[in-house]
């Protein structure tokens, strides 16, 4: 496994700017009939820039973070619309928690993942035997990325790549068992949160995701 990155700290104006810079890096590589999946919601405006430059179809992937009891922003794992949840067993052990303790939260997040899939996904783009690039706006802990990649791996892509404008260096290693490659524009050491690397990191809405996906499908 290997990954490409530039360790220089780099600021992005917004997700579209991050997507354009990421796309420039990705187009230097050879691809076999690629399809680009934006990890909803924030990864979709990044992914549309990648898909446009590569001339690839744009689709969506959905994974939901499973937060700690009383601290929903602290991710212990993630879940997709189908399949088992993914947990960081070391963190669970450190907090004295089990998967059973998080069953209710997991069920709620799975329901939200299914809602988003129903809202966003039109005709599903075939993935088997193709290069699939899963794109997000950044990689912090990697919990949602791992869950999304495992779900996509079940579709038997030719090659499965995760890509983001900015990645925490420590999180990249966590993806090496589920991604064939990880590509980042920047992997700064002083990493606290994805939003710190963007001038504009406002929340992406359902309506924005649907508009981006519909526009991309109309261009095909």
N, C-alpha and C. Protein backbone atom coordinates (compact mmCIF):
# COMPACT_ATOMS: atom_id res chain seq x y z
N UNK A 1 0.84 -1.19 0.00
CA UNK A 1 0.00 0.00 0.00
C UNK A 1 0.89 1.25 0.00
N UNK A 2 0.39 2.31 -0.62
CA UNK A 2 1.12 3.55 -0.61
C UNK A 2 0.13 4.70 -0.66
N UNK A 3 0.58 5.90 -0.33
CA UNK A 3 -0.27 7.06 -0.48
C UNK A 3 0.58 8.24 -0.90
N UNK A 4 -0.07 9.17 -1.61
CA UNK A 4 0.59 10.37 -2.10
C UNK A 4 0.13 11.55 -1.26
N UNK A 5 1.05 12.39 -0.87
CA UNK A 5 0.65 13.59 -0.15
C UNK A 5 1.74 14.63 -0.19
N UNK A 6 1.35 15.84 0.07
CA UNK A 6 2.26 16.96 0.20
C UNK A 6 2.15 17.43 1.64
N UNK A 7 3.20 17.36 2.43
CA UNK A 7 3.11 17.67 3.84
C UNK A 7 3.10 19.17 4.14
N UNK A 8 3.19 19.99 3.12
CA UNK A 8 3.11 21.43 3.36
C UNK A 8 1.69 21.81 3.75
N UNK A 9 1.55 22.65 4.78
CA UNK A 9 0.23 23.10 5.18
C UNK A 9 -0.36 23.93 4.06
N UNK A 10 -1.61 23.66 3.73
CA UNK A 10 -2.25 24.34 2.61
C UNK A 10 -3.68 24.67 2.97
N UNK A 11 -4.11 25.89 2.70
CA UNK A 11 -5.47 26.31 3.01
C UNK A 11 -6.29 26.32 1.74
N UNK A 12 -7.55 25.89 1.84
CA UNK A 12 -8.47 25.87 0.71
C UNK A 12 -9.54 26.93 0.93
N UNK A 13 -9.94 27.58 -0.15
CA UNK A 13 -10.99 28.60 -0.02
C UNK A 13 -12.31 27.97 0.42
N UNK A 14 -12.67 26.86 -0.21
CA UNK A 14 -13.90 26.15 0.11
C UNK A 14 -13.78 24.74 -0.44
N UNK A 15 -14.84 23.95 -0.34
CA UNK A 15 -14.77 22.56 -0.78
C UNK A 15 -14.53 22.45 -2.29
N UNK A 16 -15.12 23.34 -3.06
CA UNK A 16 -14.90 23.30 -4.50
C UNK A 16 -13.43 23.56 -4.83
N UNK A 17 -12.82 24.50 -4.14
CA UNK A 17 -11.40 24.78 -4.34
C UNK A 17 -10.57 23.55 -3.98
N UNK A 18 -10.90 22.92 -2.86
CA UNK A 18 -10.20 21.69 -2.48
C UNK A 18 -10.38 20.61 -3.52
N UNK A 19 -11.58 20.52 -4.09
CA UNK A 19 -11.85 19.52 -5.12
C UNK A 19 -11.04 19.76 -6.38
N UNK A 20 -10.90 21.02 -6.77
CA UNK A 20 -10.11 21.32 -7.97
C UNK A 20 -8.64 20.97 -7.77
N UNK A 21 -8.10 21.27 -6.61
CA UNK A 21 -6.69 20.93 -6.34
C UNK A 21 -6.49 19.42 -6.27
N UNK A 22 -7.46 18.74 -5.67
CA UNK A 22 -7.39 17.29 -5.60
C UNK A 22 -7.50 16.68 -6.99
N UNK A 23 -8.38 17.22 -7.81
CA UNK A 23 -8.56 16.71 -9.16
C UNK A 23 -7.28 16.82 -9.98
N UNK A 24 -6.56 17.92 -9.82
CA UNK A 24 -5.29 18.10 -10.55
C UNK A 24 -4.30 17.01 -10.17
N UNK A 25 -4.29 16.62 -8.91
CA UNK A 25 -3.39 15.56 -8.46
C UNK A 25 -3.82 14.21 -9.01
N UNK A 26 -5.12 13.96 -9.00
CA UNK A 26 -5.63 12.66 -9.44
C UNK A 26 -5.50 12.46 -10.95
N UNK A 27 -5.60 13.51 -11.71
CA UNK A 27 -5.56 13.31 -13.16
C UNK A 27 -4.15 12.96 -13.67
N UNK A 28 -3.15 13.05 -12.82
CA UNK A 28 -1.81 12.63 -13.19
C UNK A 28 -1.67 11.12 -13.20
N UNK A 29 -2.70 10.41 -12.70
CA UNK A 29 -2.62 8.97 -12.54
C UNK A 29 -3.47 8.26 -13.60
N UNK A 30 -3.10 7.04 -13.98
CA UNK A 30 -3.92 6.30 -14.94
C UNK A 30 -5.14 5.69 -14.25
N UNK A 31 -6.28 5.73 -14.93
CA UNK A 31 -7.52 5.20 -14.38
C UNK A 31 -8.19 4.28 -15.39
N UNK A 32 -8.88 3.28 -14.87
CA UNK A 32 -9.61 2.35 -15.72
C UNK A 32 -11.10 2.52 -15.49
N UNK A 33 -11.77 3.20 -16.44
CA UNK A 33 -13.22 3.40 -16.39
C UNK A 33 -13.66 3.85 -15.00
N UNK A 34 -13.14 4.99 -14.51
CA UNK A 34 -13.37 5.37 -13.11
C UNK A 34 -14.79 5.87 -12.86
N UNK A 35 -15.24 5.69 -11.62
CA UNK A 35 -16.45 6.32 -11.11
C UNK A 35 -16.06 7.00 -9.80
N UNK A 36 -16.58 8.20 -9.59
CA UNK A 36 -16.26 9.00 -8.42
C UNK A 36 -17.46 9.02 -7.49
N UNK A 37 -17.23 8.68 -6.22
CA UNK A 37 -18.29 8.68 -5.21
C UNK A 37 -18.00 9.78 -4.20
N UNK A 38 -18.91 10.73 -4.06
CA UNK A 38 -18.78 11.75 -3.03
C UNK A 38 -19.36 11.23 -1.73
N UNK A 39 -18.58 11.32 -0.66
CA UNK A 39 -19.05 10.87 0.65
C UNK A 39 -19.94 11.97 1.23
N UNK A 40 -21.22 11.70 1.26
CA UNK A 40 -22.19 12.73 1.65
C UNK A 40 -22.12 13.02 3.17
N UNK A 41 -22.27 14.31 3.49
CA UNK A 41 -22.66 15.32 2.53
C UNK A 41 -21.45 16.14 2.04
N UNK A 42 -20.51 16.44 2.91
CA UNK A 42 -19.44 17.38 2.57
C UNK A 42 -18.53 16.95 1.46
N UNK A 43 -18.45 15.66 1.18
CA UNK A 43 -17.57 15.19 0.12
C UNK A 43 -18.12 15.38 -1.28
N UNK A 44 -19.42 15.65 -1.40
CA UNK A 44 -20.03 15.74 -2.73
C UNK A 44 -19.54 16.97 -3.51
N UNK A 45 -19.51 18.19 -2.92
CA UNK A 45 -18.99 19.32 -3.69
C UNK A 45 -17.50 19.20 -4.02
N UNK A 46 -16.76 18.41 -3.28
CA UNK A 46 -15.37 18.12 -3.63
C UNK A 46 -15.33 17.14 -4.80
N UNK A 47 -16.14 16.11 -4.70
CA UNK A 47 -16.14 15.04 -5.70
C UNK A 47 -16.60 15.51 -7.06
N UNK A 48 -17.50 16.49 -7.13
CA UNK A 48 -17.99 16.94 -8.43
C UNK A 48 -16.86 17.54 -9.25
N UNK A 49 -15.91 18.19 -8.59
CA UNK A 49 -14.77 18.76 -9.30
C UNK A 49 -13.85 17.66 -9.82
N UNK A 50 -13.67 16.62 -9.02
CA UNK A 50 -12.85 15.48 -9.43
C UNK A 50 -13.47 14.77 -10.63
N UNK A 51 -14.76 14.50 -10.53
CA UNK A 51 -15.45 13.80 -11.61
C UNK A 51 -15.40 14.60 -12.91
N UNK A 52 -15.57 15.92 -12.81
CA UNK A 52 -15.56 16.76 -14.01
C UNK A 52 -14.20 16.72 -14.70
N UNK A 53 -13.12 16.82 -13.94
CA UNK A 53 -11.80 16.85 -14.55
C UNK A 53 -11.40 15.49 -15.11
N UNK A 54 -11.83 14.42 -14.45
CA UNK A 54 -11.50 13.08 -14.93
C UNK A 54 -12.46 12.60 -16.01
N UNK A 55 -13.54 13.33 -16.25
CA UNK A 55 -14.54 12.88 -17.20
C UNK A 55 -15.24 11.63 -16.74
N UNK A 56 -15.43 11.51 -15.43
CA UNK A 56 -16.01 10.31 -14.83
C UNK A 56 -17.41 10.60 -14.30
N UNK A 57 -18.27 9.58 -14.22
CA UNK A 57 -19.59 9.78 -13.62
C UNK A 57 -19.46 10.02 -12.11
N UNK A 58 -20.41 10.77 -11.58
CA UNK A 58 -20.45 11.09 -10.15
C UNK A 58 -21.61 10.37 -9.50
N UNK A 59 -21.33 9.71 -8.39
CA UNK A 59 -22.36 9.04 -7.60
C UNK A 59 -22.10 9.40 -6.14
N UNK A 60 -22.83 8.79 -5.25
CA UNK A 60 -22.75 9.17 -3.84
C UNK A 60 -22.51 7.94 -2.97
N UNK A 61 -21.78 8.14 -1.87
CA UNK A 61 -21.61 7.13 -0.82
C UNK A 61 -22.06 7.76 0.49
N UNK A 62 -22.64 6.96 1.36
CA UNK A 62 -23.14 7.48 2.63
C UNK A 62 -22.65 6.60 3.77
N UNK A 63 -22.04 7.23 4.76
CA UNK A 63 -21.68 6.57 6.01
C UNK A 63 -21.93 7.55 7.14
N UNK A 64 -22.33 7.05 8.29
CA UNK A 64 -22.67 7.91 9.42
C UNK A 64 -21.80 7.57 10.63
N UNK A 65 -21.29 8.62 11.25
CA UNK A 65 -20.46 8.46 12.46
C UNK A 65 -21.33 8.00 13.63
N UNK A 66 -20.80 7.09 14.43
CA UNK A 66 -21.43 6.67 15.68
C UNK A 66 -20.67 7.35 16.81
N UNK A 67 -21.32 8.28 17.48
CA UNK A 67 -20.67 9.08 18.50
C UNK A 67 -20.72 8.43 19.88
N UNK A 68 -19.86 8.93 20.76
CA UNK A 68 -19.82 8.44 22.14
C UNK A 68 -21.04 8.94 22.91
N UNK A 69 -21.51 8.19 23.89
CA UNK A 69 -22.64 8.63 24.71
C UNK A 69 -22.34 9.98 25.36
N UNK A 70 -23.23 10.94 25.11
CA UNK A 70 -23.04 12.27 25.68
C UNK A 70 -22.05 13.13 24.92
N UNK A 71 -21.33 12.55 23.97
CA UNK A 71 -20.34 13.29 23.16
C UNK A 71 -20.48 12.86 21.70
N UNK A 72 -21.57 13.23 21.05
CA UNK A 72 -21.83 12.73 19.70
C UNK A 72 -20.78 13.13 18.68
N UNK A 73 -20.02 14.21 18.97
CA UNK A 73 -18.98 14.63 18.03
C UNK A 73 -17.74 13.75 18.10
N UNK A 74 -17.62 12.93 19.15
CA UNK A 74 -16.46 12.06 19.33
C UNK A 74 -16.78 10.70 18.72
N UNK A 75 -16.25 10.43 17.54
CA UNK A 75 -16.60 9.22 16.81
C UNK A 75 -15.95 7.97 17.35
N UNK A 76 -16.77 6.96 17.62
CA UNK A 76 -16.29 5.64 18.05
C UNK A 76 -16.33 4.64 16.91
N UNK A 77 -17.05 4.98 15.86
CA UNK A 77 -17.20 4.07 14.72
C UNK A 77 -18.11 4.70 13.70
N UNK A 78 -18.58 3.91 12.77
CA UNK A 78 -19.47 4.41 11.73
C UNK A 78 -20.28 3.25 11.16
N UNK A 79 -21.35 3.61 10.46
CA UNK A 79 -22.23 2.61 9.89
C UNK A 79 -22.76 3.12 8.56
N UNK A 80 -23.02 2.19 7.64
CA UNK A 80 -23.62 2.52 6.36
C UNK A 80 -25.07 2.03 6.35
N UNK A 81 -25.74 2.21 5.23
CA UNK A 81 -27.14 1.81 5.14
C UNK A 81 -27.32 0.31 5.32
N UNK A 82 -26.33 -0.47 4.91
CA UNK A 82 -26.38 -1.92 5.04
C UNK A 82 -25.05 -2.41 5.58
N UNK A 83 -25.04 -3.63 6.09
CA UNK A 83 -23.81 -4.21 6.60
C UNK A 83 -23.55 -3.85 8.05
N UNK A 84 -22.58 -4.52 8.67
CA UNK A 84 -22.30 -4.30 10.09
C UNK A 84 -21.60 -2.97 10.33
N UNK A 85 -21.75 -2.40 11.53
CA UNK A 85 -21.03 -1.16 11.85
C UNK A 85 -19.53 -1.43 12.01
N UNK A 86 -18.75 -0.38 11.88
CA UNK A 86 -17.31 -0.44 12.08
C UNK A 86 -16.97 0.35 13.34
N UNK A 87 -16.27 -0.28 14.29
CA UNK A 87 -15.89 0.38 15.54
C UNK A 87 -14.39 0.39 15.71
N UNK A 88 -13.91 1.39 16.43
CA UNK A 88 -12.52 1.41 16.87
C UNK A 88 -12.47 0.67 18.20
N UNK A 89 -12.06 -0.59 18.14
CA UNK A 89 -12.12 -1.43 19.34
C UNK A 89 -11.23 -0.92 20.46
N UNK A 90 -10.13 -0.28 20.11
CA UNK A 90 -9.23 0.25 21.15
C UNK A 90 -9.90 1.36 21.94
N UNK A 91 -10.62 2.22 21.25
CA UNK A 91 -11.30 3.31 21.95
C UNK A 91 -12.46 2.76 22.78
N UNK A 92 -13.20 1.80 22.23
CA UNK A 92 -14.28 1.19 23.00
C UNK A 92 -13.75 0.60 24.30
N UNK A 93 -12.64 -0.13 24.19
CA UNK A 93 -12.06 -0.74 25.38
C UNK A 93 -11.60 0.31 26.39
N UNK A 94 -11.02 1.39 25.89
CA UNK A 94 -10.52 2.44 26.78
C UNK A 94 -11.67 3.13 27.53
N UNK A 95 -12.84 3.21 26.87
CA UNK A 95 -14.00 3.85 27.49
C UNK A 95 -14.89 2.87 28.23
N UNK A 96 -14.55 1.58 28.18
CA UNK A 96 -15.36 0.57 28.85
C UNK A 96 -16.71 0.36 28.19
N UNK A 97 -16.76 0.51 26.88
CA UNK A 97 -18.00 0.36 26.13
C UNK A 97 -17.96 -0.87 25.25
N UNK A 98 -19.14 -1.35 24.88
CA UNK A 98 -19.26 -2.46 23.93
C UNK A 98 -20.17 -2.02 22.79
N UNK A 99 -20.18 -2.82 21.73
CA UNK A 99 -21.07 -2.53 20.61
C UNK A 99 -22.53 -2.53 21.05
N UNK A 100 -22.86 -3.39 22.00
CA UNK A 100 -24.23 -3.45 22.50
C UNK A 100 -24.64 -2.13 23.17
N UNK A 101 -23.68 -1.47 23.84
CA UNK A 101 -23.98 -0.19 24.48
C UNK A 101 -24.36 0.88 23.46
N UNK A 102 -23.90 0.71 22.23
CA UNK A 102 -24.11 1.71 21.19
C UNK A 102 -25.17 1.30 20.17
N UNK A 103 -25.89 0.22 20.48
CA UNK A 103 -26.84 -0.34 19.52
C UNK A 103 -27.92 0.67 19.13
N UNK A 104 -28.44 1.42 20.09
CA UNK A 104 -29.50 2.38 19.79
C UNK A 104 -28.98 3.51 18.90
N UNK A 105 -27.79 4.02 19.24
CA UNK A 105 -27.19 5.07 18.42
C UNK A 105 -26.89 4.56 17.02
N UNK A 106 -26.38 3.34 16.94
CA UNK A 106 -26.08 2.73 15.64
C UNK A 106 -27.34 2.62 14.79
N UNK A 107 -28.44 2.18 15.38
CA UNK A 107 -29.69 2.03 14.64
C UNK A 107 -30.18 3.38 14.12
N UNK A 108 -30.05 4.42 14.93
CA UNK A 108 -30.48 5.75 14.50
C UNK A 108 -29.63 6.26 13.34
N UNK A 109 -28.32 6.03 13.42
CA UNK A 109 -27.44 6.49 12.35
C UNK A 109 -27.64 5.67 11.06
N UNK A 110 -27.92 4.39 11.20
CA UNK A 110 -28.22 3.58 10.02
C UNK A 110 -29.50 4.07 9.34
N UNK A 111 -30.49 4.42 10.14
CA UNK A 111 -31.74 4.94 9.58
C UNK A 111 -31.48 6.25 8.82
N UNK A 112 -30.61 7.10 9.37
CA UNK A 112 -30.27 8.34 8.68
C UNK A 112 -29.50 8.07 7.39
N UNK A 113 -28.61 7.08 7.41
CA UNK A 113 -27.89 6.71 6.20
C UNK A 113 -28.86 6.24 5.12
N UNK A 114 -29.85 5.45 5.50
CA UNK A 114 -30.83 4.97 4.53
C UNK A 114 -31.68 6.11 3.99
N UNK A 115 -32.01 7.06 4.87
CA UNK A 115 -32.77 8.22 4.41
C UNK A 115 -31.99 9.00 3.36
N UNK A 116 -30.70 9.19 3.62
CA UNK A 116 -29.88 9.97 2.69
C UNK A 116 -29.71 9.23 1.37
N UNK A 117 -29.51 7.94 1.41
CA UNK A 117 -29.39 7.17 0.17
C UNK A 117 -30.67 7.32 -0.66
N UNK A 118 -31.82 7.21 -0.01
CA UNK A 118 -33.09 7.34 -0.72
C UNK A 118 -33.26 8.74 -1.31
N UNK A 119 -32.74 9.74 -0.60
CA UNK A 119 -32.88 11.12 -1.07
C UNK A 119 -31.91 11.43 -2.20
N UNK A 120 -30.68 10.94 -2.11
CA UNK A 120 -29.63 11.35 -3.04
C UNK A 120 -29.48 10.48 -4.27
N UNK A 121 -29.62 9.19 -4.10
CA UNK A 121 -29.17 8.29 -5.16
C UNK A 121 -30.24 8.08 -6.22
N UNK A 122 -29.87 8.36 -7.47
CA UNK A 122 -30.75 8.07 -8.59
C UNK A 122 -30.44 6.67 -9.10
N UNK A 123 -30.27 6.55 -10.40
CA UNK A 123 -29.87 5.26 -10.96
C UNK A 123 -28.43 4.98 -10.53
N UNK A 124 -28.22 3.87 -9.86
CA UNK A 124 -26.91 3.58 -9.26
C UNK A 124 -25.87 3.29 -10.34
N UNK A 125 -24.75 3.98 -10.25
CA UNK A 125 -23.67 3.80 -11.21
C UNK A 125 -22.97 2.46 -10.96
N UNK A 126 -22.82 1.59 -11.97
CA UNK A 126 -22.12 0.32 -11.77
C UNK A 126 -20.69 0.53 -11.29
N UNK A 127 -20.24 -0.35 -10.39
CA UNK A 127 -18.91 -0.21 -9.81
C UNK A 127 -18.02 -1.43 -10.02
N UNK A 128 -18.63 -2.56 -10.26
CA UNK A 128 -17.85 -3.79 -10.40
C UNK A 128 -16.86 -3.70 -11.56
N UNK A 129 -15.61 -4.06 -11.29
CA UNK A 129 -14.58 -4.09 -12.31
C UNK A 129 -14.05 -2.73 -12.72
N UNK A 130 -14.47 -1.66 -12.04
CA UNK A 130 -14.03 -0.31 -12.38
C UNK A 130 -13.17 0.27 -11.26
N UNK A 131 -12.38 1.27 -11.57
CA UNK A 131 -11.70 2.03 -10.54
C UNK A 131 -12.72 2.93 -9.85
N UNK A 132 -12.79 2.85 -8.52
CA UNK A 132 -13.73 3.67 -7.75
C UNK A 132 -12.93 4.59 -6.84
N UNK A 133 -13.22 5.88 -6.92
CA UNK A 133 -12.56 6.88 -6.09
C UNK A 133 -13.59 7.44 -5.12
N UNK A 134 -13.42 7.16 -3.85
CA UNK A 134 -14.30 7.71 -2.81
C UNK A 134 -13.68 9.00 -2.31
N UNK A 135 -14.44 10.10 -2.42
CA UNK A 135 -13.92 11.43 -2.13
C UNK A 135 -14.65 12.05 -0.95
N UNK A 136 -13.87 12.63 -0.02
CA UNK A 136 -14.46 13.39 1.08
C UNK A 136 -13.75 14.74 1.17
N UNK A 137 -14.27 15.63 2.03
CA UNK A 137 -13.65 16.94 2.17
C UNK A 137 -12.42 16.91 3.07
N UNK A 138 -12.21 15.81 3.77
CA UNK A 138 -11.04 15.66 4.61
C UNK A 138 -11.08 14.34 5.36
N UNK A 139 -9.95 13.99 5.93
CA UNK A 139 -9.83 12.74 6.68
C UNK A 139 -9.27 13.07 8.05
N UNK A 140 -10.09 12.89 9.08
CA UNK A 140 -9.66 13.18 10.45
C UNK A 140 -9.37 11.87 11.18
N UNK A 141 -10.40 11.20 11.69
CA UNK A 141 -10.21 9.91 12.36
C UNK A 141 -10.28 8.76 11.37
N UNK A 142 -11.03 8.94 10.30
CA UNK A 142 -11.17 7.89 9.29
C UNK A 142 -12.29 6.92 9.53
N UNK A 143 -13.09 7.12 10.57
CA UNK A 143 -14.15 6.15 10.89
C UNK A 143 -15.18 6.05 9.78
N UNK A 144 -15.70 7.17 9.32
CA UNK A 144 -16.72 7.11 8.27
C UNK A 144 -16.12 6.65 6.94
N UNK A 145 -14.89 7.05 6.68
CA UNK A 145 -14.23 6.61 5.44
C UNK A 145 -14.07 5.10 5.42
N UNK A 146 -13.65 4.50 6.53
CA UNK A 146 -13.48 3.05 6.59
C UNK A 146 -14.80 2.33 6.34
N UNK A 147 -15.87 2.82 6.96
CA UNK A 147 -17.17 2.19 6.78
C UNK A 147 -17.62 2.29 5.32
N UNK A 148 -17.44 3.47 4.72
CA UNK A 148 -17.84 3.65 3.33
C UNK A 148 -17.02 2.77 2.39
N UNK A 149 -15.73 2.69 2.62
CA UNK A 149 -14.87 1.89 1.77
C UNK A 149 -15.20 0.41 1.86
N UNK A 150 -15.50 -0.07 3.04
CA UNK A 150 -15.86 -1.48 3.18
C UNK A 150 -17.16 -1.79 2.45
N UNK A 151 -18.09 -0.86 2.48
CA UNK A 151 -19.34 -1.07 1.76
C UNK A 151 -19.10 -1.10 0.25
N UNK A 152 -18.25 -0.20 -0.24
CA UNK A 152 -17.96 -0.14 -1.67
C UNK A 152 -17.16 -1.37 -2.11
N UNK A 153 -16.28 -1.85 -1.25
CA UNK A 153 -15.47 -3.04 -1.58
C UNK A 153 -16.36 -4.23 -1.90
N UNK A 154 -17.53 -4.30 -1.27
CA UNK A 154 -18.45 -5.41 -1.54
C UNK A 154 -18.95 -5.40 -2.98
N UNK A 155 -18.84 -4.25 -3.65
CA UNK A 155 -19.26 -4.15 -5.06
C UNK A 155 -18.20 -4.67 -6.01
N UNK A 156 -17.05 -5.09 -5.49
CA UNK A 156 -15.95 -5.68 -6.26
C UNK A 156 -15.38 -4.74 -7.32
N UNK A 157 -14.95 -3.54 -6.90
CA UNK A 157 -14.30 -2.64 -7.85
C UNK A 157 -12.95 -3.19 -8.27
N UNK A 158 -12.45 -2.74 -9.41
CA UNK A 158 -11.12 -3.13 -9.86
C UNK A 158 -10.07 -2.58 -8.90
N UNK A 159 -10.21 -1.31 -8.54
CA UNK A 159 -9.31 -0.66 -7.59
C UNK A 159 -10.13 0.33 -6.78
N UNK A 160 -9.84 0.43 -5.50
CA UNK A 160 -10.61 1.28 -4.59
C UNK A 160 -9.66 2.30 -3.96
N UNK A 161 -9.91 3.58 -4.24
CA UNK A 161 -9.04 4.66 -3.79
C UNK A 161 -9.84 5.65 -2.96
N UNK A 162 -9.24 6.10 -1.87
CA UNK A 162 -9.82 7.19 -1.08
C UNK A 162 -9.02 8.45 -1.37
N UNK A 163 -9.73 9.57 -1.53
CA UNK A 163 -9.05 10.82 -1.84
C UNK A 163 -9.72 11.98 -1.11
N UNK A 164 -8.90 12.92 -0.63
CA UNK A 164 -9.41 14.11 0.06
C UNK A 164 -8.39 15.23 -0.06
N UNK A 165 -8.83 16.46 -0.01
CA UNK A 165 -7.88 17.57 -0.06
C UNK A 165 -6.90 17.57 1.11
N UNK A 166 -7.36 17.22 2.31
CA UNK A 166 -6.49 17.27 3.48
C UNK A 166 -6.73 16.05 4.36
N UNK A 167 -5.65 15.45 4.86
CA UNK A 167 -5.75 14.23 5.66
C UNK A 167 -4.84 14.33 6.88
N UNK A 168 -5.32 13.81 7.99
CA UNK A 168 -4.46 13.65 9.16
C UNK A 168 -3.53 12.48 8.90
N UNK A 169 -2.21 12.67 9.01
CA UNK A 169 -1.27 11.59 8.67
C UNK A 169 -1.55 10.28 9.41
N UNK A 170 -1.91 10.37 10.68
CA UNK A 170 -2.14 9.15 11.46
C UNK A 170 -3.36 8.37 10.96
N UNK A 171 -4.33 9.08 10.37
CA UNK A 171 -5.55 8.41 9.93
C UNK A 171 -5.34 7.65 8.64
N UNK A 172 -4.34 8.03 7.87
CA UNK A 172 -4.11 7.36 6.58
C UNK A 172 -3.82 5.88 6.78
N UNK A 173 -3.00 5.56 7.80
CA UNK A 173 -2.64 4.17 8.04
C UNK A 173 -3.87 3.31 8.34
N UNK A 174 -4.88 3.92 8.95
CA UNK A 174 -6.09 3.16 9.30
C UNK A 174 -6.88 2.73 8.07
N UNK A 175 -6.66 3.38 6.95
CA UNK A 175 -7.38 3.03 5.73
C UNK A 175 -6.67 1.99 4.88
N UNK A 176 -5.45 1.65 5.23
CA UNK A 176 -4.64 0.80 4.36
C UNK A 176 -5.18 -0.62 4.21
N UNK A 177 -6.03 -1.06 5.13
CA UNK A 177 -6.59 -2.40 5.02
C UNK A 177 -7.85 -2.44 4.17
N UNK A 178 -8.40 -1.27 3.87
CA UNK A 178 -9.65 -1.25 3.11
C UNK A 178 -9.54 -0.48 1.79
N UNK A 179 -8.52 0.35 1.64
CA UNK A 179 -8.32 1.09 0.39
C UNK A 179 -7.04 0.61 -0.28
N UNK A 180 -7.03 0.61 -1.60
CA UNK A 180 -5.82 0.25 -2.33
C UNK A 180 -4.84 1.41 -2.39
N UNK A 181 -5.34 2.63 -2.20
CA UNK A 181 -4.49 3.80 -2.21
C UNK A 181 -5.21 4.94 -1.50
N UNK A 182 -4.45 5.86 -0.95
CA UNK A 182 -4.99 7.05 -0.31
C UNK A 182 -4.27 8.25 -0.90
N UNK A 183 -5.01 9.21 -1.42
CA UNK A 183 -4.42 10.36 -2.08
C UNK A 183 -4.89 11.63 -1.38
N UNK A 184 -3.95 12.45 -0.93
CA UNK A 184 -4.25 13.71 -0.27
C UNK A 184 -3.42 14.82 -0.90
N UNK A 185 -3.99 16.01 -1.01
CA UNK A 185 -3.22 17.17 -1.44
C UNK A 185 -2.28 17.59 -0.33
N UNK A 186 -2.76 17.59 0.89
CA UNK A 186 -1.95 18.00 2.04
C UNK A 186 -2.19 17.05 3.20
N UNK A 187 -1.13 16.75 3.94
CA UNK A 187 -1.21 15.91 5.14
C UNK A 187 -0.42 16.59 6.25
N UNK A 188 -0.92 17.71 6.77
CA UNK A 188 -0.18 18.49 7.76
C UNK A 188 -0.11 17.79 9.11
N UNK A 189 1.02 17.95 9.78
CA UNK A 189 1.21 17.32 11.09
C UNK A 189 0.31 17.97 12.15
N UNK A 190 0.16 19.29 12.08
CA UNK A 190 -0.63 20.01 13.10
C UNK A 190 -2.10 19.94 12.74
N UNK A 191 -2.68 18.75 12.84
CA UNK A 191 -4.04 18.50 12.39
C UNK A 191 -4.96 18.39 13.60
N UNK A 192 -5.97 19.29 13.65
CA UNK A 192 -6.95 19.23 14.74
C UNK A 192 -8.34 18.85 14.22
N UNK A 193 -8.73 19.47 13.12
CA UNK A 193 -10.04 19.20 12.53
C UNK A 193 -10.00 19.57 11.05
N UNK A 194 -10.86 18.93 10.26
CA UNK A 194 -10.86 19.19 8.82
C UNK A 194 -11.16 20.66 8.53
N UNK A 195 -12.11 21.25 9.25
CA UNK A 195 -12.54 22.61 8.97
C UNK A 195 -11.46 23.65 9.12
N UNK A 196 -10.41 23.37 9.89
CA UNK A 196 -9.37 24.37 10.09
C UNK A 196 -8.59 24.68 8.81
N UNK A 197 -8.70 23.82 7.80
CA UNK A 197 -7.93 24.00 6.57
C UNK A 197 -8.74 24.68 5.48
N UNK A 198 -9.96 25.10 5.80
CA UNK A 198 -10.82 25.76 4.83
C UNK A 198 -11.21 27.16 5.32
N UNK A 199 -11.20 28.14 4.41
CA UNK A 199 -11.73 29.47 4.74
C UNK A 199 -13.24 29.39 4.93
N UNK A 200 -13.92 28.66 4.06
CA UNK A 200 -15.37 28.49 4.14
C UNK A 200 -15.65 27.00 4.30
N UNK A 201 -16.17 26.62 5.47
CA UNK A 201 -16.47 25.21 5.74
C UNK A 201 -17.89 25.09 6.28
N UNK A 202 -18.80 25.86 5.65
CA UNK A 202 -20.19 25.79 6.06
C UNK A 202 -20.79 24.43 5.79
N UNK A 203 -21.84 24.09 6.53
CA UNK A 203 -22.47 22.79 6.38
C UNK A 203 -23.08 22.64 4.99
N UNK A 204 -22.88 21.49 4.39
CA UNK A 204 -23.50 21.16 3.11
C UNK A 204 -24.89 20.59 3.38
N UNK A 205 -25.90 21.11 2.71
CA UNK A 205 -27.28 20.70 2.96
C UNK A 205 -27.72 19.58 2.01
N UNK A 206 -28.82 18.94 2.35
CA UNK A 206 -29.42 17.95 1.47
C UNK A 206 -29.71 18.55 0.10
N UNK A 207 -30.25 19.76 0.10
CA UNK A 207 -30.63 20.41 -1.16
C UNK A 207 -29.41 20.64 -2.04
N UNK A 208 -28.30 21.04 -1.45
CA UNK A 208 -27.07 21.25 -2.22
C UNK A 208 -26.56 19.95 -2.80
N UNK A 209 -26.60 18.89 -2.02
CA UNK A 209 -26.15 17.58 -2.51
C UNK A 209 -26.99 17.14 -3.69
N UNK A 210 -28.30 17.23 -3.56
CA UNK A 210 -29.20 16.81 -4.64
C UNK A 210 -28.96 17.64 -5.90
N UNK A 211 -28.76 18.95 -5.73
CA UNK A 211 -28.54 19.83 -6.88
C UNK A 211 -27.25 19.48 -7.61
N UNK A 212 -26.18 19.21 -6.84
CA UNK A 212 -24.90 18.85 -7.44
C UNK A 212 -25.00 17.53 -8.19
N UNK A 213 -25.62 16.53 -7.59
CA UNK A 213 -25.76 15.22 -8.22
C UNK A 213 -26.65 15.29 -9.46
N UNK A 214 -27.75 16.04 -9.38
CA UNK A 214 -28.64 16.15 -10.54
C UNK A 214 -27.93 16.83 -11.70
N UNK A 215 -27.18 17.90 -11.40
CA UNK A 215 -26.46 18.61 -12.46
C UNK A 215 -25.42 17.72 -13.11
N UNK A 216 -24.72 16.93 -12.28
CA UNK A 216 -23.70 16.02 -12.83
C UNK A 216 -24.34 14.95 -13.69
N UNK A 217 -25.48 14.42 -13.30
CA UNK A 217 -26.16 13.39 -14.08
C UNK A 217 -26.70 13.96 -15.39
N UNK A 218 -27.14 15.22 -15.35
CA UNK A 218 -27.65 15.85 -16.58
C UNK A 218 -26.55 16.03 -17.61
N UNK A 219 -25.31 16.17 -17.15
CA UNK A 219 -24.19 16.37 -18.09
C UNK A 219 -23.73 15.08 -18.74
N UNK A 220 -24.15 13.94 -18.19
CA UNK A 220 -23.69 12.66 -18.73
C UNK A 220 -24.42 12.33 -20.03
